[in-house]
Protein backbone atom coordinates (compact mmCIF):
# COMPACT_ATOMS: atom_id res chain seq x y z
CA MET A 1 170.93 -118.19 134.27
CA THR A 2 171.02 -114.61 132.33
CA ALA A 3 171.60 -111.28 133.26
CA GLN A 4 168.17 -108.60 131.53
CA PHE A 5 170.55 -105.43 130.50
CA PRO A 6 168.06 -102.63 130.37
CA ASP A 7 167.56 -101.59 126.86
CA ARG A 8 169.77 -98.39 125.94
CA ILE A 9 168.09 -95.57 123.85
CA LEU A 10 170.01 -94.36 120.80
CA ARG A 11 169.42 -91.30 119.56
CA LEU A 12 169.37 -90.57 115.84
CA ASN A 13 173.32 -89.74 114.91
CA THR A 14 174.70 -93.10 116.56
CA VAL A 15 171.62 -94.57 114.82
CA LEU A 16 172.97 -93.19 111.42
CA ASP A 17 175.86 -94.68 112.31
CA ARG A 18 175.34 -98.92 113.37
CA THR A 19 172.24 -98.34 110.01
CA GLY A 20 173.92 -96.48 107.06
CA LEU A 21 171.65 -95.28 105.79
CA SER A 22 170.68 -91.21 105.17
CA ARG A 23 168.54 -89.36 108.22
CA ALA A 24 166.03 -88.53 104.99
CA THR A 25 165.86 -92.43 104.08
CA LEU A 26 165.41 -92.96 107.63
CA TYR A 27 162.73 -91.09 108.18
CA ARG A 28 161.15 -92.22 105.32
CA LYS A 29 161.43 -95.77 106.64
CA VAL A 30 159.91 -94.74 109.38
CA ALA A 31 156.46 -92.99 107.50
CA ASP A 32 156.67 -96.45 106.05
CA GLY A 33 156.75 -98.81 109.16
CA THR A 34 159.52 -100.34 107.64
CA PHE A 35 162.38 -99.12 110.77
CA PRO A 36 161.60 -98.89 114.31
CA ARG A 37 159.97 -96.32 115.46
CA GLN A 38 160.59 -93.55 117.79
CA VAL A 39 160.14 -93.09 121.29
CA ARG A 40 159.95 -89.70 123.27
CA ILE A 41 162.22 -89.25 125.79
CA ALA A 42 161.62 -86.16 126.62
CA THR A 43 159.51 -83.08 125.70
CA ARG A 44 161.10 -82.21 122.92
CA CYS A 45 164.01 -85.93 122.40
CA MET A 46 163.61 -88.96 120.85
CA GLY A 47 165.31 -91.76 119.80
CA TRP A 48 165.40 -95.21 119.30
CA ARG A 49 165.39 -98.44 121.71
CA GLU A 50 168.66 -100.49 120.46
CA SER A 51 167.16 -103.75 120.43
CA ALA A 52 164.33 -102.16 118.25
CA ILE A 53 167.55 -101.02 115.89
CA ASN A 54 169.05 -104.19 116.28
CA ASP A 55 166.39 -106.25 115.56
CA TRP A 56 166.36 -104.26 112.43
CA LEU A 57 169.49 -105.34 111.64
CA LYS A 58 169.55 -108.47 111.31
CA ASN A 59 166.92 -108.28 108.92
CA PRO A 60 166.72 -104.96 107.47
CA MET A 61 165.00 -106.40 103.75
CA PHE A 62 161.72 -107.64 105.29
CA TYR A 63 161.56 -105.39 108.99
CA SER A 64 158.34 -103.85 109.69
CA VAL A 65 156.41 -102.68 112.13
CA GLU A 66 153.80 -104.72 113.84
CA ASP A 67 151.01 -102.04 115.60
CA GLY A 68 149.98 -103.05 118.70
């Protein structure tokens, strides 16, 4: 039996630290669809799902956001 852990939301500085990307590069990749999109946490607060960042880290060269 495997335990299901809830997906954490990571803020910008944590994502930048984990990926090694600059802020400008990260937002350019989001716009190009080669990096996971942010999720809204509150009215003026965004973050990224930890699972999406981990998926990107597994294969950043061939990652693409699927429109669904």
